[in-house]
N, C-alpha and C. Protein backbone atom coordinates (compact mmCIF):
# COMPACT_ATOMS: atom_id res chain seq x y z
N MET A 1 113.76 101.58 107.61
CA MET A 1 113.59 100.68 107.55
C MET A 1 114.03 100.90 109.24
N THR A 2 112.63 100.10 109.56
CA THR A 2 112.51 99.72 111.65
C THR A 2 113.50 99.02 112.17
N GLY A 3 113.71 99.07 113.37
CA GLY A 3 114.51 97.85 113.99
C GLY A 3 113.81 98.64 116.10
N GLY A 4 114.54 98.03 116.88
CA GLY A 4 113.49 98.25 117.82
C GLY A 4 113.20 98.93 118.19
N THR A 5 114.98 99.73 118.17
CA THR A 5 115.14 100.81 118.63
C THR A 5 115.04 102.44 118.09
N GLY A 6 114.49 102.06 116.74
CA GLY A 6 114.62 103.67 115.43
C GLY A 6 114.20 103.12 113.87
N VAL A 7 114.64 103.80 113.20
CA VAL A 7 114.19 103.62 112.05
C VAL A 7 115.46 104.75 110.97
N ASP A 8 116.10 104.20 110.60
CA ASP A 8 117.12 104.48 109.65
C ASP A 8 116.32 105.23 108.13
N ILE A 9 117.06 105.40 108.10
CA ILE A 9 116.98 106.39 107.34
C ILE A 9 117.55 106.32 105.53
N LEU A 10 117.14 105.78 104.93
CA LEU A 10 118.06 105.35 102.99
C LEU A 10 118.33 106.21 101.16
N ASN A 11 119.03 105.93 101.30
CA ASN A 11 118.46 106.84 99.61
C ASN A 11 118.39 105.48 98.67
N LEU A 12 116.92 106.03 98.09
CA LEU A 12 116.77 104.67 97.19
C LEU A 12 117.76 104.45 96.18
N ASN A 13 118.00 105.59 95.49
CA ASN A 13 119.04 106.00 94.92
C ASN A 13 120.31 104.42 94.81
N THR A 14 120.74 105.39 95.95
CA THR A 14 122.59 103.49 96.89
C THR A 14 122.22 103.17 97.61
N GLY A 15 120.89 103.35 98.10
CA GLY A 15 120.37 102.01 98.92
C GLY A 15 121.52 102.43 100.43
N LEU A 16 122.08 103.86 100.11
CA LEU A 16 122.63 103.41 101.53
C LEU A 16 122.38 104.24 102.57
N LYS A 17 122.21 104.42 103.96
CA LYS A 17 122.12 104.64 105.01
C LYS A 17 122.26 106.45 105.12
N THR A 18 121.18 107.69 104.85
CA THR A 18 121.84 109.21 105.33
C THR A 18 121.15 109.20 106.68
N GLY A 19 120.03 107.98 107.24
CA GLY A 19 120.50 109.22 108.86
C GLY A 19 119.66 108.56 110.02
N TYR A 20 119.18 108.73 110.73
CA TYR A 20 118.86 107.33 111.93
C TYR A 20 117.55 108.43 112.50
N VAL A 21 116.41 107.74 113.31
CA VAL A 21 115.71 108.81 114.08
C VAL A 21 115.30 108.14 115.71
N ASP A 22 116.38 107.49 116.05
CA ASP A 22 116.19 107.26 117.52
C ASP A 22 115.09 107.11 118.65
N VAL A 23 113.95 105.88 118.85
CA VAL A 23 113.40 106.23 119.08
C VAL A 23 113.28 105.70 121.16
N SER A 24 114.59 105.12 121.50
CA SER A 24 114.66 104.46 122.30
C SER A 24 113.91 104.94 123.48
N PRO A 25 113.99 106.43 123.86
CA PRO A 25 113.72 107.02 124.50
C PRO A 25 112.03 106.81 125.56
N PHE A 26 111.50 106.76 123.97
CA PHE A 26 110.24 106.71 124.18
C PHE A 26 109.44 104.70 124.13
N GLY A 27 110.39 103.60 123.69
CA GLY A 27 110.22 102.25 123.82
C GLY A 27 110.14 100.76 121.77
N SER A 28 109.69 100.88 121.65
CA SER A 28 110.61 100.23 120.41
C SER A 28 109.16 100.52 119.15
N ILE A 29 109.87 100.22 118.06
CA ILE A 29 109.58 100.52 117.34
C ILE A 29 108.49 98.92 116.31
N ASN A 30 107.86 99.85 116.46
CA ASN A 30 106.90 98.11 115.02
C ASN A 30 107.28 98.33 113.18
N SER A 31 106.04 100.06 113.35
CA SER A 31 105.79 100.07 112.24
C SER A 31 105.92 101.50 111.45
N VAL A 32 106.45 101.90 110.53
CA VAL A 32 105.93 103.72 110.08
C VAL A 32 105.29 103.65 108.78
N ASP A 33 104.22 104.26 108.69
CA ASP A 33 103.65 104.62 107.12
C ASP A 33 104.05 106.19 107.03
N ILE A 34 104.39 107.17 105.43
CA ILE A 34 104.82 108.44 105.05
C ILE A 34 102.74 109.09 104.26
N TYR A 35 103.13 110.37 104.30
CA TYR A 35 102.17 110.60 103.47
C TYR A 35 102.15 112.15 103.19
N ASN A 36 102.64 112.56 102.43
CA ASN A 36 102.68 114.34 101.98
C ASN A 36 103.23 114.59 103.36
N GLY A 37 104.79 113.45 103.22
CA GLY A 37 105.89 114.48 104.49
C GLY A 37 105.86 113.68 105.61
N VAL A 38 104.78 113.63 105.78
CA VAL A 38 104.35 112.82 108.41
C VAL A 38 105.11 111.59 108.06
N ALA A 39 105.92 111.88 108.46
CA ALA A 39 105.32 110.04 108.81
C ALA A 39 105.61 109.75 110.17
N ALA A 40 104.40 108.75 110.18
CA ALA A 40 104.40 108.23 111.45
C ALA A 40 104.74 106.77 112.02
N PHE A 41 104.92 106.77 113.53
CA PHE A 41 105.33 105.79 114.40
C PHE A 41 104.75 104.84 114.99
N ALA A 42 105.33 103.50 115.15
CA ALA A 42 104.30 102.53 116.03
C ALA A 42 105.22 102.41 117.21
N ILE A 43 104.75 103.33 118.26
CA ILE A 43 105.53 102.16 119.04
C ILE A 43 105.26 102.12 120.35
N GLU A 44 105.28 100.81 120.61
CA GLU A 44 104.91 100.53 122.09
C GLU A 44 105.62 100.62 122.16
N ASN A 45 105.36 100.62 124.39
CA ASN A 45 105.46 101.35 125.16
C ASN A 45 106.68 100.50 125.94
N GLU A 46 107.77 100.73 126.37
CA GLU A 46 108.54 99.74 127.73
C GLU A 46 107.79 98.78 128.40
N VAL A 47 105.89 99.41 128.47
CA VAL A 47 105.84 98.57 129.42
C VAL A 47 104.40 97.73 128.06
N ARG A 48 104.49 96.59 127.29
CA ARG A 48 104.21 95.86 126.27
C ARG A 48 102.40 96.24 126.00
N SER A 49 102.81 96.11 127.55
CA SER A 49 100.71 96.38 127.85
C SER A 49 100.21 96.94 128.21
N ASN A 50 100.98 97.80 128.57
CA ASN A 50 100.26 100.02 128.65
C ASN A 50 100.18 99.89 128.01
N ASP A 51 99.77 101.34 127.17
CA ASP A 51 99.25 102.41 126.53
C ASP A 51 100.25 102.06 125.53
N GLY A 52 100.26 102.66 123.73
CA GLY A 52 101.90 102.97 123.02
C GLY A 52 100.85 104.24 122.32
N PHE A 53 101.81 104.72 121.47
CA PHE A 53 101.84 105.48 120.36
C PHE A 53 102.34 105.75 119.49
N VAL A 54 101.07 106.92 118.95
CA VAL A 54 102.04 106.98 117.79
C VAL A 54 102.46 108.39 117.63
N GLN A 55 103.79 108.19 116.83
CA GLN A 55 104.22 109.90 116.98
C GLN A 55 104.57 110.20 115.06
N PHE A 56 104.30 111.22 115.80
CA PHE A 56 105.02 112.14 113.76
C PHE A 56 105.78 112.54 113.55
N TYR A 57 106.44 112.50 112.31
CA TYR A 57 108.55 113.24 111.79
C TYR A 57 108.00 113.98 111.19
N ASP A 58 108.20 114.80 110.68
CA ASP A 58 108.74 115.27 110.12
C ASP A 58 109.46 114.93 108.64
N THR A 59 109.99 114.20 107.10
CA THR A 59 110.31 113.00 106.23
C THR A 59 111.76 114.46 106.08
N SER A 60 111.54 115.70 106.54
CA SER A 60 112.79 115.67 105.43
C SER A 60 113.81 116.15 107.01
N SER A 61 112.87 117.08 108.46
CA SER A 61 114.29 117.14 109.62
C SER A 61 114.16 116.30 110.62
N GLN A 62 113.75 115.37 110.01
CA GLN A 62 113.38 114.29 110.93
C GLN A 62 112.39 114.58 111.98
N SER A 63 112.55 115.41 112.37
CA SER A 63 112.12 115.99 113.69
C SER A 63 110.79 116.00 114.53
N LEU A 64 110.46 115.88 115.31
CA LEU A 64 109.28 115.04 116.47
C LEU A 64 108.53 116.04 116.22
N ILE A 65 106.91 116.17 115.88
CA ILE A 65 106.10 116.97 116.15
C ILE A 65 105.01 116.95 116.69
N LYS A 66 104.48 116.30 116.81
CA LYS A 66 103.29 115.46 117.84
C LYS A 66 103.34 114.14 118.34
N LYS A 67 102.76 113.67 119.74
CA LYS A 67 102.89 111.61 119.71
C LYS A 67 101.31 111.95 120.24
N VAL A 68 100.38 110.98 119.47
CA VAL A 68 99.90 110.92 120.17
C VAL A 68 99.48 109.24 121.05
N SER A 69 98.67 109.04 122.05
CA SER A 69 98.51 107.90 122.48
C SER A 69 97.26 107.37 121.69
N VAL A 70 97.77 105.53 121.53
CA VAL A 70 96.97 104.85 121.42
C VAL A 70 96.89 103.05 122.47
N GLY A 71 96.26 102.22 121.42
CA GLY A 71 96.36 101.23 122.14
C GLY A 71 97.42 100.73 122.71
N ALA A 72 96.85 99.24 123.96
CA ALA A 72 98.33 98.64 123.90
C ALA A 72 99.03 97.51 122.68
N LEU A 73 100.43 98.05 122.59
CA LEU A 73 100.75 97.45 121.61
C LEU A 73 100.78 97.56 120.20
N PRO A 74 101.40 98.63 120.10
CA PRO A 74 100.67 99.60 118.56
C PRO A 74 102.13 98.75 117.59
N ASP A 75 101.18 97.63 116.52
CA ASP A 75 102.05 96.64 115.05
C ASP A 75 101.96 97.13 114.25
N MET A 76 101.44 98.41 113.99
CA MET A 76 100.87 98.44 112.73
C MET A 76 100.40 100.18 111.95
N VAL A 77 101.06 101.13 111.43
CA VAL A 77 100.32 101.24 111.34
C VAL A 77 99.61 102.25 109.87
N LYS A 78 98.99 103.01 109.47
CA LYS A 78 98.52 102.74 107.72
C LYS A 78 97.08 103.71 107.41
N PHE A 79 98.19 104.78 106.31
CA PHE A 79 97.59 106.53 106.17
C PHE A 79 96.25 105.51 105.29
N THR A 80 94.70 106.42 105.36
CA THR A 80 94.17 105.65 104.27
C THR A 80 94.82 107.01 102.32
N ALA A 81 93.97 106.58 101.58
CA ALA A 81 94.90 107.28 100.41
C ALA A 81 94.60 108.75 100.32
N ASN A 82 94.07 108.81 101.02
CA ASN A 82 93.77 110.74 101.63
C ASN A 82 94.03 111.05 102.16
N GLY A 83 95.55 110.27 103.26
CA GLY A 83 95.75 110.72 104.66
C GLY A 83 95.21 111.69 105.24
N SER A 84 93.51 110.96 105.41
CA SER A 84 92.99 111.89 105.75
C SER A 84 92.63 111.10 107.61
N LYS A 85 92.61 109.73 107.54
CA LYS A 85 92.48 109.37 109.04
C LYS A 85 94.69 107.99 108.71
N LEU A 86 94.48 107.53 110.47
CA LEU A 86 95.27 107.18 110.94
C LEU A 86 95.08 106.15 111.13
N LEU A 87 94.68 104.54 110.98
CA LEU A 87 94.37 103.44 111.07
C LEU A 87 95.95 103.29 111.89
N VAL A 88 95.42 102.42 113.16
CA VAL A 88 96.41 102.01 114.20
C VAL A 88 96.22 100.98 115.01
N ALA A 89 96.59 99.02 114.24
CA ALA A 89 95.74 98.26 114.86
C ALA A 89 96.47 97.85 115.86
N ASN A 90 96.38 97.71 117.21
CA ASN A 90 96.65 97.75 118.56
C ASN A 90 96.91 96.30 119.10
N GLU A 91 97.81 95.09 118.52
CA GLU A 91 97.73 94.20 119.09
C GLU A 91 97.45 93.63 120.55
N GLY A 92 97.78 94.69 121.56
CA GLY A 92 97.97 94.09 122.72
C GLY A 92 97.95 92.80 123.04
N THR A 93 98.73 92.32 123.33
CA THR A 93 99.82 90.78 123.32
C THR A 93 100.09 90.79 124.60
N PRO A 94 99.23 89.32 125.35
CA PRO A 94 99.23 90.04 127.09
C PRO A 94 100.96 89.58 127.51
N ASP A 95 100.96 90.49 128.67
CA ASP A 95 102.40 89.91 129.39
C ASP A 95 102.90 88.24 129.17
N GLN A 96 101.55 87.67 129.65
CA GLN A 96 101.88 86.16 129.69
C GLN A 96 100.89 85.13 129.63
N TYR A 97 101.20 84.20 128.47
CA TYR A 97 99.52 83.40 128.02
C TYR A 97 99.90 82.85 129.76
N GLY A 98 97.85 82.14 128.56
CA GLY A 98 97.41 81.32 129.83
C GLY A 98 98.37 79.55 129.80
N ALA A 99 97.44 78.99 130.06
CA ALA A 99 98.51 77.50 130.76
C ALA A 99 97.75 76.58 128.99
N GLU A 100 98.13 75.31 129.38
CA GLU A 100 97.77 75.35 128.05
C GLU A 100 96.20 73.94 127.76
N ILE A 101 95.45 74.48 127.85
CA ILE A 101 95.07 73.39 128.03
C ILE A 101 94.47 71.37 127.19
N GLY A 102 94.72 70.00 128.25
CA GLY A 102 94.94 69.54 126.73
C GLY A 102 96.33 69.35 126.64
N SER A 103 96.86 68.12 125.01
CA SER A 103 97.83 68.54 124.53
C SER A 103 96.65 68.40 122.81
N SER A 104 96.05 68.53 123.07
CA SER A 104 95.82 68.84 121.41
C SER A 104 96.37 69.39 120.40
N SER A 105 95.87 69.35 118.77
CA SER A 105 96.23 70.09 117.90
C SER A 105 95.59 70.95 116.68
N PRO A 106 95.52 72.41 116.84
CA PRO A 106 96.41 72.91 117.45
C PRO A 106 95.79 73.67 118.75
N LYS A 107 96.74 74.34 119.87
CA LYS A 107 97.31 73.91 120.97
C LYS A 107 96.12 74.80 121.97
N LYS A 108 95.67 74.47 123.04
CA LYS A 108 94.70 75.76 123.63
C LYS A 108 94.72 75.71 124.09
N PHE A 109 94.35 77.32 125.18
CA PHE A 109 95.03 78.10 126.06
C PHE A 109 93.66 78.57 126.83
N ALA A 110 94.31 78.20 128.23
CA ALA A 110 93.23 78.99 129.10
C ALA A 110 93.71 80.73 128.61
N PRO A 111 92.54 81.75 129.45
CA PRO A 111 92.30 82.80 129.20
C PRO A 111 94.07 83.68 130.01
N ALA A 112 94.82 84.39 129.17
CA ALA A 112 95.03 85.05 130.61
C ALA A 112 95.37 85.63 131.25
N VAL A 113 95.92 86.74 132.88
CA VAL A 113 95.18 86.96 133.11
C VAL A 113 95.36 88.30 133.53
N ASN A 114 96.44 88.95 132.18
CA ASN A 114 96.63 90.25 131.95
C ASN A 114 96.74 90.54 130.58
N ASP A 115 95.46 90.46 129.76
CA ASP A 115 95.54 91.18 127.88
C ASP A 115 94.61 91.65 127.70
N PRO A 116 95.37 92.36 127.32
CA PRO A 116 95.26 94.59 127.61
C PRO A 116 93.52 93.73 126.23
N THR A 117 93.04 94.68 125.66
CA THR A 117 92.01 94.86 124.66
C THR A 117 92.76 94.99 123.39
N GLY A 118 92.94 93.63 122.32
CA GLY A 118 92.49 94.40 121.12
C GLY A 118 91.79 95.78 120.80
N SER A 119 92.83 95.94 119.77
CA SER A 119 91.13 96.83 119.14
C SER A 119 92.42 97.97 117.90
N VAL A 120 91.62 99.21 117.38
CA VAL A 120 91.68 99.40 116.35
C VAL A 120 91.56 101.14 116.72
N SER A 121 92.88 101.91 116.89
CA SER A 121 92.64 103.50 116.44
C SER A 121 92.96 104.23 115.95
N ILE A 122 91.75 104.93 115.53
CA ILE A 122 91.83 105.59 114.35
C ILE A 122 92.13 107.46 114.44
N ILE A 123 93.16 107.92 113.45
CA ILE A 123 93.47 109.19 114.35
C ILE A 123 92.92 110.50 112.88
N ASP A 124 92.04 111.58 113.33
CA ASP A 124 92.06 112.21 112.38
C ASP A 124 93.24 113.42 111.68
N THR A 125 94.10 112.54 110.19
CA THR A 125 95.13 113.95 110.33
C THR A 125 94.33 114.46 109.35
N SER A 126 93.43 115.05 109.06
CA SER A 126 92.72 116.18 107.49
C SER A 126 93.88 116.48 107.70
N SER A 127 93.59 117.89 108.92
CA SER A 127 94.14 119.21 109.22
C SER A 127 95.56 119.30 108.28
N SER A 128 95.38 120.12 107.62
CA SER A 128 96.81 120.78 107.16
C SER A 128 98.05 120.40 108.09
N ASP A 129 97.69 120.68 108.92
CA ASP A 129 98.42 121.12 110.57
C ASP A 129 98.31 119.30 110.94
N ILE A 130 99.23 118.87 111.07
CA ILE A 130 99.31 117.21 111.69
C ILE A 130 99.50 117.87 113.23
N LYS A 131 99.59 118.71 113.80
CA LYS A 131 99.65 118.82 115.94
C LYS A 131 98.63 119.72 115.68
N ASP A 132 97.26 119.37 115.19
CA ASP A 132 95.82 119.13 115.05
C ASP A 132 95.56 117.39 115.04
N ALA A 133 96.77 116.61 115.17
CA ALA A 133 96.08 115.19 115.08
C ALA A 133 95.44 114.47 116.55
N LYS A 134 94.48 113.77 116.60
CA LYS A 134 93.85 113.29 117.79
C LYS A 134 93.05 111.84 117.46
N VAL A 135 93.48 111.23 118.64
CA VAL A 135 92.01 110.28 117.86
C VAL A 135 90.30 110.36 118.22
N ILE A 136 90.13 110.48 117.12
CA ILE A 136 88.44 109.86 116.49
C ILE A 136 87.73 109.43 117.78
N ALA A 137 88.12 107.50 117.55
CA ALA A 137 87.77 106.50 117.59
C ALA A 137 88.62 105.85 118.09
N THR A 138 87.75 104.70 118.49
CA THR A 138 88.83 103.69 118.64
C THR A 138 88.00 102.16 119.28
N ALA A 139 88.30 101.33 118.31
CA ALA A 139 87.75 100.40 117.49
C ALA A 139 87.32 98.55 118.08
N GLY A 140 87.19 98.86 118.79
CA GLY A 140 87.06 96.97 119.50
C GLY A 140 85.76 96.11 119.09
N PHE A 141 86.47 94.97 119.63
CA PHE A 141 84.85 93.73 118.75
C PHE A 141 84.01 93.45 119.87
N GLU A 142 83.70 93.97 121.09
CA GLU A 142 82.50 93.70 121.37
C GLU A 142 81.44 93.49 120.96
N GLY A 143 80.17 92.35 120.88
CA GLY A 143 79.04 92.82 120.05
C GLY A 143 79.16 92.35 118.94
N VAL A 144 80.51 92.65 118.59
CA VAL A 144 80.63 92.13 116.74
C VAL A 144 80.18 90.95 116.18
N ALA A 145 79.83 90.47 114.91
CA ALA A 145 79.32 89.76 114.87
C ALA A 145 79.88 88.42 114.10
N GLN A 146 79.64 87.42 114.24
CA GLN A 146 81.60 86.68 114.09
C GLN A 146 80.16 85.70 112.60
N THR A 147 81.54 85.39 111.66
CA THR A 147 80.38 84.86 110.04
C THR A 147 81.93 83.70 110.07
N GLY A 148 81.10 82.37 110.22
CA GLY A 148 82.11 81.22 109.47
C GLY A 148 83.31 79.77 111.04
N SER A 149 83.17 79.14 110.42
CA SER A 149 83.48 78.59 112.21
C SER A 149 84.55 77.58 112.06
N HIS A 150 85.75 78.34 111.30
CA HIS A 150 86.93 78.75 111.79
C HIS A 150 87.68 79.20 112.38
N ILE A 151 86.98 79.77 112.84
CA ILE A 151 88.04 81.40 114.31
C ILE A 151 88.31 81.03 114.93
N ARG A 152 89.08 80.45 116.00
CA ARG A 152 89.88 80.65 117.01
C ARG A 152 89.43 81.12 117.83
N THR A 153 89.08 81.07 118.96
CA THR A 153 88.45 82.13 120.01
C THR A 153 89.21 81.00 121.72
N ASP A 154 89.92 79.84 121.57
CA ASP A 154 90.72 79.65 121.97
C ASP A 154 92.27 79.26 122.58
N THR A 155 92.11 80.55 122.14
CA THR A 155 94.09 80.96 122.04
C THR A 155 94.32 81.34 122.48
N GLY A 156 92.96 82.40 124.12
CA GLY A 156 94.09 82.37 125.14
C GLY A 156 94.55 83.76 125.76
N MET A 157 93.73 84.44 123.86
CA MET A 157 93.48 86.00 124.49
C MET A 157 92.65 86.46 123.19
N ASP A 158 92.28 88.08 123.55
CA ASP A 158 91.22 88.30 122.58
C ASP A 158 91.64 87.91 121.16
N PHE A 159 90.79 88.98 120.32
CA PHE A 159 91.07 89.70 118.73
C PHE A 159 92.02 90.20 118.76
N GLU A 160 93.58 90.26 118.03
CA GLU A 160 94.51 90.45 118.53
C GLU A 160 95.25 91.48 116.91
N PRO A 161 94.44 92.54 116.44
CA PRO A 161 94.70 93.22 115.25
C PRO A 161 96.22 93.64 115.16
N GLU A 162 96.94 93.12 113.27
CA GLU A 162 98.35 93.87 113.32
C GLU A 162 97.82 93.83 112.33
N TYR A 163 97.89 93.38 110.65
CA TYR A 163 98.06 94.90 110.02
C TYR A 163 96.43 94.63 109.44
N ILE A 164 96.52 95.79 108.81
CA ILE A 164 95.96 96.23 107.56
C ILE A 164 95.97 97.17 106.10
N ALA A 165 94.64 96.63 105.31
CA ALA A 165 94.61 96.56 103.69
C ALA A 165 92.98 97.70 104.01
N ILE A 166 93.70 98.72 103.71
CA ILE A 166 92.39 99.33 102.67
C ILE A 166 91.92 99.54 102.08
N ASN A 167 90.73 99.75 101.65
CA ASN A 167 90.08 99.31 100.31
C ASN A 167 90.47 100.35 99.87
N GLU A 168 90.28 100.31 97.99
CA GLU A 168 90.81 102.20 97.12
C GLU A 168 89.93 103.24 97.57
N LYS A 169 88.23 102.77 97.61
CA LYS A 169 88.05 104.22 97.98
C LYS A 169 87.71 104.83 99.29
N GLY A 170 88.16 104.08 100.28
CA GLY A 170 89.44 104.18 101.84
C GLY A 170 88.02 104.34 101.74
N THR A 171 86.98 103.34 102.11
CA THR A 171 85.08 102.83 102.66
C THR A 171 85.28 102.01 104.08
N LYS A 172 86.99 100.69 104.06
CA LYS A 172 86.47 99.54 104.27
C LYS A 172 87.94 99.72 105.29
N ALA A 173 88.21 98.70 106.21
CA ALA A 173 89.57 98.65 106.57
C ALA A 173 89.60 96.67 106.92
N TYR A 174 90.11 96.50 106.33
CA TYR A 174 91.39 94.41 106.14
C TYR A 174 91.43 94.61 107.18
N VAL A 175 91.48 94.48 108.86
CA VAL A 175 92.64 94.06 109.85
C VAL A 175 92.55 92.50 110.31
N SER A 176 93.90 92.00 109.91
CA SER A 176 94.15 90.75 109.95
C SER A 176 93.91 90.63 111.32
N LEU A 177 93.84 89.19 111.83
CA LEU A 177 93.51 87.61 113.57
C LEU A 177 94.07 87.25 113.64
N GLN A 178 95.77 87.80 113.08
CA GLN A 178 96.72 86.32 112.96
C GLN A 178 95.51 85.08 114.12
N GLU A 179 96.23 85.08 114.80
CA GLU A 179 95.42 83.91 116.29
C GLU A 179 94.42 83.33 115.96
N ALA A 180 93.53 84.53 115.57
CA ALA A 180 92.18 84.26 115.12
C ALA A 180 92.53 83.55 114.17
N ASN A 181 92.29 83.86 113.57
CA ASN A 181 92.72 82.64 112.10
C ASN A 181 91.29 83.67 111.26
N ALA A 182 90.97 84.92 111.59
CA ALA A 182 90.44 85.71 110.77
C ALA A 182 90.71 87.31 110.44
N VAL A 183 89.71 87.92 110.07
CA VAL A 183 90.34 88.72 109.53
C VAL A 183 88.76 90.03 110.80
N GLY A 184 88.96 91.18 110.58
CA GLY A 184 87.92 92.35 111.03
C GLY A 184 88.31 93.13 109.41
N VAL A 185 86.76 93.63 109.33
CA VAL A 185 86.25 94.06 108.32
C VAL A 185 85.69 95.93 110.02
N LEU A 186 86.23 96.83 108.80
CA LEU A 186 85.92 98.01 109.97
C LEU A 186 85.68 98.70 108.72
N ASP A 187 84.37 99.35 109.16
CA ASP A 187 83.85 100.63 108.60
C ASP A 187 84.16 101.47 108.92
N LEU A 188 84.59 102.46 107.81
CA LEU A 188 85.29 103.69 108.29
C LEU A 188 84.55 105.00 107.69
N GLY A 189 83.27 104.37 108.00
CA GLY A 189 82.05 105.58 107.76
C GLY A 189 82.07 105.36 109.06
N THR A 190 80.88 104.49 110.16
CA THR A 190 80.87 105.11 110.74
C THR A 190 82.42 104.34 112.24
N ASN A 191 83.68 104.21 111.47
CA ASN A 191 84.80 103.60 112.83
C ASN A 191 84.88 102.67 113.62
N GLU A 192 83.63 101.07 113.12
CA GLU A 192 83.56 100.56 113.91
C GLU A 192 83.41 99.25 112.33
N PHE A 193 84.47 98.18 113.63
CA PHE A 193 84.02 97.01 112.83
C PHE A 193 83.15 96.25 112.98
N GLU A 194 82.19 95.67 111.55
CA GLU A 194 81.06 95.23 110.97
C GLU A 194 81.21 93.90 111.09
N LYS A 195 82.09 93.74 111.38
CA LYS A 195 81.93 92.28 111.38
C LYS A 195 83.49 91.06 111.17
N VAL A 196 83.64 89.90 111.77
CA VAL A 196 84.67 89.27 111.77
C VAL A 196 84.38 87.25 111.18
N LEU A 197 85.57 87.90 110.67
CA LEU A 197 85.34 86.44 109.96
C LEU A 197 86.35 85.94 108.76
N VAL A 198 85.52 84.47 108.48
CA VAL A 198 88.08 83.57 107.83
C VAL A 198 86.71 82.95 106.35
């Protein structure tokens, strides 16, 4: 279970808490995923518009193995089924939203002054030693084709990845862009977004 400052470790049979991993010295935790004895934590920076981190922990000892810098406000982490990659949804929420435009519904906003770029960091975790994990690509949305007439582009922010689902073959990831009412399709062969659709 994650909460702003750390992770509770529970016994699945009893539901009782058996441990706690404190991440408060680093920032706030948003997500955890586990593969083969390694837990990946998505941690947003204390200044949320600055780059965040993924920290890898040994699930047996709860000891920190490695820290990897990613984009601003990492909101979700997800291992591919074979554990060779870890995807990180960097939401990149603005410090302060732009001014509201008019009184329409849904609301429209002017661009934010400081809006970190939304992206997905792709970390190579294929090595048998997680200490070798490193970012091999950061997939963004510049120049990516958009399909559909209901994509919102007047939210006062760029596309902000929040949640990730990966297909069974591990060839595509589908990334929710909640505020934009859209989904980004990420090609895990090229490590680039191929389109945004609704």
